[in-house]
Amino acid sequence: MANLFRKGRLRAFQTLFEADFGFMEAMAVLTRRQADEPLSSSEARYAEHLVTETQTHREEIDRCIQETAPAWPVAQISPVDRTALRIALYELLFNNAAVPSGAVINEAVELAKTYGSDGGRRFVNGVLGTISRERVAVPVAAVQETEEPRGLA
């Protein structure tokens, strides 16, 4: 199950990162990436879910980032860190029954570390840790191996 989330999240990250530059719509990027390197149907559904819902909630997510890190305008945050934060904040704030908060934060930090800088890793960890403590109302239970992530039915 963790692999489903990891692969789907990575594909969503790659898609939203590329789309952030504005040359192509996110769903077109996702379709192209799926054709080039197919994921399983459940991984692809999770990636599509993350891309769609992260975009749907983007204004609220960006506002949350700005309130938490007012010294860093969202537009000035590195594209890697901004994309990792947006996906993680969608999962924490709007889809927090699907994946435990700690796993979401760890995965976002890993994305920032792998594709960005060490400073970005610390920034992402700090923002997500603060938001998790202050805004995620209910502790998230571990997902059962047989459960499908919410929004994928």
C-alpha atoms as a PDB file:
ATOM      1  CA  MET A   1       0.000   0.000   0.000  1.00  0.00           C
ATOM      2  CA  ALA A   2       2.815   2.402   0.833  1.00  0.00           C
ATOM      3  CA  ASN A   3       4.195   1.842  -2.662  1.00  0.00           C
ATOM      4  CA  LEU A   4       0.844   2.931  -4.152  1.00  0.00           C
ATOM      5  CA  PHE A   5       1.058   6.214  -2.307  1.00  0.00           C
ATOM      6  CA  ARG A   6       4.758   6.706  -3.006  1.00  0.00           C
ATOM      7  CA  LYS A   7       4.570   6.055  -6.742  1.00  0.00           C
ATOM      8  CA  GLY A   8       1.335   7.979  -7.159  1.00  0.00           C
ATOM      9  CA  ARG A   9       2.702  10.897  -5.125  1.00  0.00           C
ATOM     10  CA  LEU A  10       5.952  10.941  -7.122  1.00  0.00           C
ATOM     11  CA  ARG A  11       4.017  11.004 -10.395  1.00  0.00           C
ATOM     12  CA  ALA A  12       1.784  13.806  -9.070  1.00  0.00           C
ATOM     13  CA  PHE A  13       4.898  15.699  -7.941  1.00  0.00           C
ATOM     14  CA  GLN A  14       6.560  15.351 -11.349  1.00  0.00           C
ATOM     15  CA  THR A  15       3.356  16.397 -13.098  1.00  0.00           C
ATOM     16  CA  LEU A  16       2.615  19.447 -10.956  1.00  0.00           C
ATOM     17  CA  PHE A  17       6.267  20.515 -10.987  1.00  0.00           C
ATOM     18  CA  GLU A  18       6.317  20.464 -14.781  1.00  0.00           C
ATOM     19  CA  ALA A  19       2.909  22.131 -15.087  1.00  0.00           C
ATOM     20  CA  ASP A  20       4.010  24.878 -12.672  1.00  0.00           C
ATOM     21  CA  PHE A  21       6.154  26.281 -15.468  1.00  0.00           C
ATOM     22  CA  GLY A  22       2.993  26.858 -17.491  1.00  0.00           C
ATOM     23  CA  PHE A  23       3.941  25.242 -20.768  1.00  0.00           C
ATOM     24  CA  MET A  24       1.324  22.498 -20.481  1.00  0.00           C
ATOM     25  CA  GLU A  25      -1.810  21.811 -18.448  1.00  0.00           C
ATOM     26  CA  ALA A  26      -1.292  19.363 -15.608  1.00  0.00           C
ATOM     27  CA  MET A  27      -3.662  16.716 -16.942  1.00  0.00           C
ATOM     28  CA  ALA A  28      -1.899  16.767 -20.328  1.00  0.00           C
ATOM     29  CA  VAL A  29       1.436  16.312 -18.538  1.00  0.00           C
ATOM     30  CA  LEU A  30      -0.012  13.458 -16.485  1.00  0.00           C
ATOM     31  CA  THR A  31      -1.415  11.742 -19.585  1.00  0.00           C
ATOM     32  CA  ARG A  32       1.928  12.040 -21.387  1.00  0.00           C
ATOM     33  CA  ARG A  33       3.848  10.732 -18.374  1.00  0.00           C
ATOM     34  CA  GLN A  34       1.458   7.786 -18.028  1.00  0.00           C
ATOM     35  CA  ALA A  35       1.925   6.934 -21.729  1.00  0.00           C
ATOM     36  CA  ASP A  36       5.726   7.179 -21.415  1.00  0.00           C
ATOM     37  CA  GLU A  37       6.037   5.274 -18.142  1.00  0.00           C
ATOM     38  CA  PRO A  38       2.791   3.558 -17.113  1.00  0.00           C
ATOM     39  CA  LEU A  39       1.884   3.095 -13.474  1.00  0.00           C
ATOM     40  CA  SER A  40      -0.548   0.452 -12.273  1.00  0.00           C
ATOM     41  CA  SER A  41      -4.179   1.522 -12.445  1.00  0.00           C
ATOM     42  CA  SER A  42      -4.390   2.193  -8.692  1.00  0.00           C
ATOM     43  CA  GLU A  43      -1.131   4.184  -8.702  1.00  0.00           C
ATOM     44  CA  ALA A  44      -2.300   6.183 -11.722  1.00  0.00           C
ATOM     45  CA  ARG A  45      -5.688   6.858 -10.067  1.00  0.00           C
ATOM     46  CA  TYR A  46      -3.959   8.132  -6.929  1.00  0.00           C
ATOM     47  CA  ALA A  47      -1.650  10.359  -8.988  1.00  0.00           C
ATOM     48  CA  GLU A  48      -4.617  11.758 -10.909  1.00  0.00           C
ATOM     49  CA  HIS A  49      -6.514  12.296  -7.665  1.00  0.00           C
ATOM     50  CA  LEU A  50      -3.585  14.214  -6.148  1.00  0.00           C
ATOM     51  CA  VAL A  51      -3.070  16.346  -9.251  1.00  0.00           C
ATOM     52  CA  THR A  52      -6.744  17.214  -9.611  1.00  0.00           C
ATOM     53  CA  GLU A  53      -7.426  17.898  -5.940  1.00  0.00           C
ATOM     54  CA  THR A  54      -4.177  19.757  -5.291  1.00  0.00           C
ATOM     55  CA  GLN A  55      -5.073  22.086  -8.145  1.00  0.00           C
ATOM     56  CA  THR A  56      -8.654  22.435  -6.907  1.00  0.00           C
ATOM     57  CA  HIS A  57      -7.453  23.536  -3.449  1.00  0.00           C
ATOM     58  CA  ARG A  58      -4.375  25.441  -4.627  1.00  0.00           C
ATOM     59  CA  GLU A  59      -5.494  28.925  -3.529  1.00  0.00           C
ATOM     60  CA  GLU A  60      -6.311  27.743  -0.030  1.00  0.00           C
ATOM     61  CA  ILE A  61      -3.113  25.706   0.153  1.00  0.00           C
ATOM     62  CA  ASP A  62      -1.011  28.677  -0.978  1.00  0.00           C
ATOM     63  CA  ARG A  63      -2.741  30.913   1.569  1.00  0.00           C
ATOM     64  CA  CYS A  64      -1.891  28.380   4.273  1.00  0.00           C
ATOM     65  CA  ILE A  65       1.770  28.334   3.185  1.00  0.00           C
ATOM     66  CA  GLN A  66       1.878  32.130   3.194  1.00  0.00           C
ATOM     67  CA  GLU A  67       0.335  32.354   6.675  1.00  0.00           C
ATOM     68  CA  THR A  68       2.782  29.796   8.029  1.00  0.00           C
ATOM     69  CA  ALA A  69       5.907  31.205   6.333  1.00  0.00           C
ATOM     70  CA  PRO A  70       5.144  34.914   5.823  1.00  0.00           C
ATOM     71  CA  ALA A  71       8.783  35.765   5.094  1.00  0.00           C
ATOM     72  CA  TRP A  72       8.621  33.566   1.980  1.00  0.00           C
ATOM     73  CA  PRO A  73       6.101  34.622  -0.691  1.00  0.00           C
ATOM     74  CA  VAL A  74       4.803  31.452  -2.337  1.00  0.00           C
ATOM     75  CA  ALA A  75       6.005  32.612  -5.755  1.00  0.00           C
ATOM     76  CA  GLN A  76       9.567  32.889  -4.380  1.00  0.00           C
ATOM     77  CA  ILE A  77       9.689  29.396  -2.864  1.00  0.00           C
ATOM     78  CA  SER A  78      11.670  27.020  -5.070  1.00  0.00           C
ATOM     79  CA  PRO A  79       9.416  25.104  -7.480  1.00  0.00           C
ATOM     80  CA  VAL A  80      10.534  21.794  -5.914  1.00  0.00           C
ATOM     81  CA  ASP A  81       9.631  22.880  -2.381  1.00  0.00           C
ATOM     82  CA  ARG A  82       6.425  24.606  -3.480  1.00  0.00           C
ATOM     83  CA  THR A  83       5.221  21.495  -5.310  1.00  0.00           C
ATOM     84  CA  ALA A  84       6.105  19.156  -2.427  1.00  0.00           C
ATOM     85  CA  LEU A  85       4.322  21.489   0.016  1.00  0.00           C
ATOM     86  CA  ARG A  86       1.190  21.768  -2.120  1.00  0.00           C
ATOM     87  CA  ILE A  87       0.747  18.022  -2.470  1.00  0.00           C
ATOM     88  CA  ALA A  88       1.471  17.352   1.196  1.00  0.00           C
ATOM     89  CA  LEU A  89      -0.881  20.110   2.327  1.00  0.00           C
ATOM     90  CA  TYR A  90      -3.660  18.729   0.162  1.00  0.00           C
ATOM     91  CA  GLU A  91      -3.128  15.353   1.817  1.00  0.00           C
ATOM     92  CA  LEU A  92      -2.917  16.801   5.339  1.00  0.00           C
ATOM     93  CA  LEU A  93      -5.766  19.298   5.151  1.00  0.00           C
ATOM     94  CA  PHE A  94      -8.243  17.826   2.696  1.00  0.00           C
ATOM     95  CA  ASN A  95      -7.541  14.094   2.467  1.00  0.00           C
ATOM     96  CA  ASN A  96      -6.146  13.300   5.900  1.00  0.00           C
ATOM     97  CA  ALA A  97      -7.941   9.977   6.230  1.00  0.00           C
ATOM     98  CA  ALA A  98      -5.976   8.431   3.366  1.00  0.00           C
ATOM     99  CA  VAL A  99      -2.395   8.566   4.660  1.00  0.00           C
ATOM    100  CA  PRO A 100      -1.006   9.150   8.168  1.00  0.00           C
ATOM    101  CA  SER A 101       0.285  12.696   8.718  1.00  0.00           C
ATOM    102  CA  GLY A 102       3.791  11.519   9.573  1.00  0.00           C
ATOM    103  CA  ALA A 103       4.037   9.576   6.321  1.00  0.00           C
ATOM    104  CA  VAL A 104       2.830  12.567   4.300  1.00  0.00           C
ATOM    105  CA  ILE A 105       5.421  14.833   5.929  1.00  0.00           C
ATOM    106  CA  ASN A 106       8.227  12.289   5.534  1.00  0.00           C
ATOM    107  CA  GLU A 107       7.430  11.787   1.847  1.00  0.00           C
ATOM    108  CA  ALA A 108       7.322  15.551   1.181  1.00  0.00           C
ATOM    109  CA  VAL A 109      10.650  16.035   2.960  1.00  0.00           C
ATOM    110  CA  GLU A 110      12.130  13.174   0.951  1.00  0.00           C
ATOM    111  CA  LEU A 111      10.924  14.768  -2.318  1.00  0.00           C
ATOM    112  CA  ALA A 112      12.420  18.114  -1.289  1.00  0.00           C
ATOM    113  CA  LYS A 113      15.697  16.426  -0.316  1.00  0.00           C
ATOM    114  CA  THR A 114      15.916  14.294  -3.446  1.00  0.00           C
ATOM    115  CA  TYR A 115      14.983  16.962  -5.998  1.00  0.00           C
ATOM    116  CA  GLY A 116      15.876  20.169  -4.171  1.00  0.00           C
ATOM    117  CA  SER A 117      18.335  21.396  -1.589  1.00  0.00           C
ATOM    118  CA  ASP A 118      19.102  20.603   2.019  1.00  0.00           C
ATOM    119  CA  GLY A 119      17.683  23.990   2.990  1.00  0.00           C
ATOM    120  CA  GLY A 120      14.499  23.117   1.122  1.00  0.00           C
ATOM    121  CA  ARG A 121      14.184  19.900   3.075  1.00  0.00           C
ATOM    122  CA  ARG A 122      14.325  21.827   6.343  1.00  0.00           C
ATOM    123  CA  PHE A 123      11.894  24.473   5.072  1.00  0.00           C
ATOM    124  CA  VAL A 124       9.355  21.864   3.923  1.00  0.00           C
ATOM    125  CA  ASN A 125       9.681  19.959   7.200  1.00  0.00           C
ATOM    126  CA  GLY A 126       9.207  23.142   9.246  1.00  0.00           C
ATOM    127  CA  VAL A 127       6.160  24.362   7.345  1.00  0.00           C
ATOM    128  CA  LEU A 128       4.452  20.966   7.340  1.00  0.00           C
ATOM    129  CA  GLY A 129       5.284  20.279  10.991  1.00  0.00           C
ATOM    130  CA  THR A 130       3.800  23.628  12.031  1.00  0.00           C
ATOM    131  CA  ILE A 131       0.664  23.168   9.966  1.00  0.00           C
ATOM    132  CA  SER A 132       0.257  19.586  11.140  1.00  0.00           C
ATOM    133  CA  ARG A 133       0.432  20.645  14.795  1.00  0.00           C
ATOM    134  CA  GLU A 134      -1.793  23.700  14.393  1.00  0.00           C
ATOM    135  CA  ARG A 135      -4.362  22.740  11.774  1.00  0.00           C
ATOM    136  CA  VAL A 136      -4.750  18.998  11.454  1.00  0.00           C
ATOM    137  CA  ALA A 137      -7.475  18.446  13.999  1.00  0.00           C
ATOM    138  CA  VAL A 138      -7.704  14.682  14.205  1.00  0.00           C
ATOM    139  CA  PRO A 139      -4.763  12.295  14.479  1.00  0.00           C
ATOM    140  CA  VAL A 140      -4.770  10.053  11.456  1.00  0.00           C
ATOM    141  CA  ALA A 141      -5.045   6.298  11.971  1.00  0.00           C
ATOM    142  CA  ALA A 142      -2.879   3.978   9.943  1.00  0.00           C
ATOM    143  CA  VAL A 143      -4.410   2.897   6.658  1.00  0.00           C
ATOM    144  CA  GLN A 144      -5.374  -0.761   6.496  1.00  0.00           C
ATOM    145  CA  GLU A 145      -3.641  -2.732   3.749  1.00  0.00           C
ATOM    146  CA  THR A 146      -7.014  -3.492   2.163  1.00  0.00           C
ATOM    147  CA  GLU A 147      -8.276   0.085   2.163  1.00  0.00           C
ATOM    148  CA  GLU A 148      -8.363   2.155  -1.012  1.00  0.00           C
ATOM    149  CA  PRO A 149      -7.399   5.816  -0.535  1.00  0.00           C
ATOM    150  CA  ARG A 150     -10.392   8.138  -0.270  1.00  0.00           C
ATOM    151  CA  GLY A 151     -11.479   9.607  -3.570  1.00  0.00           C
ATOM    152  CA  LEU A 152     -10.364   6.687  -5.713  1.00  0.00           C
ATOM    153  CA  ALA A 153     -13.517   4.624  -5.913  1.00  0.00           C
END
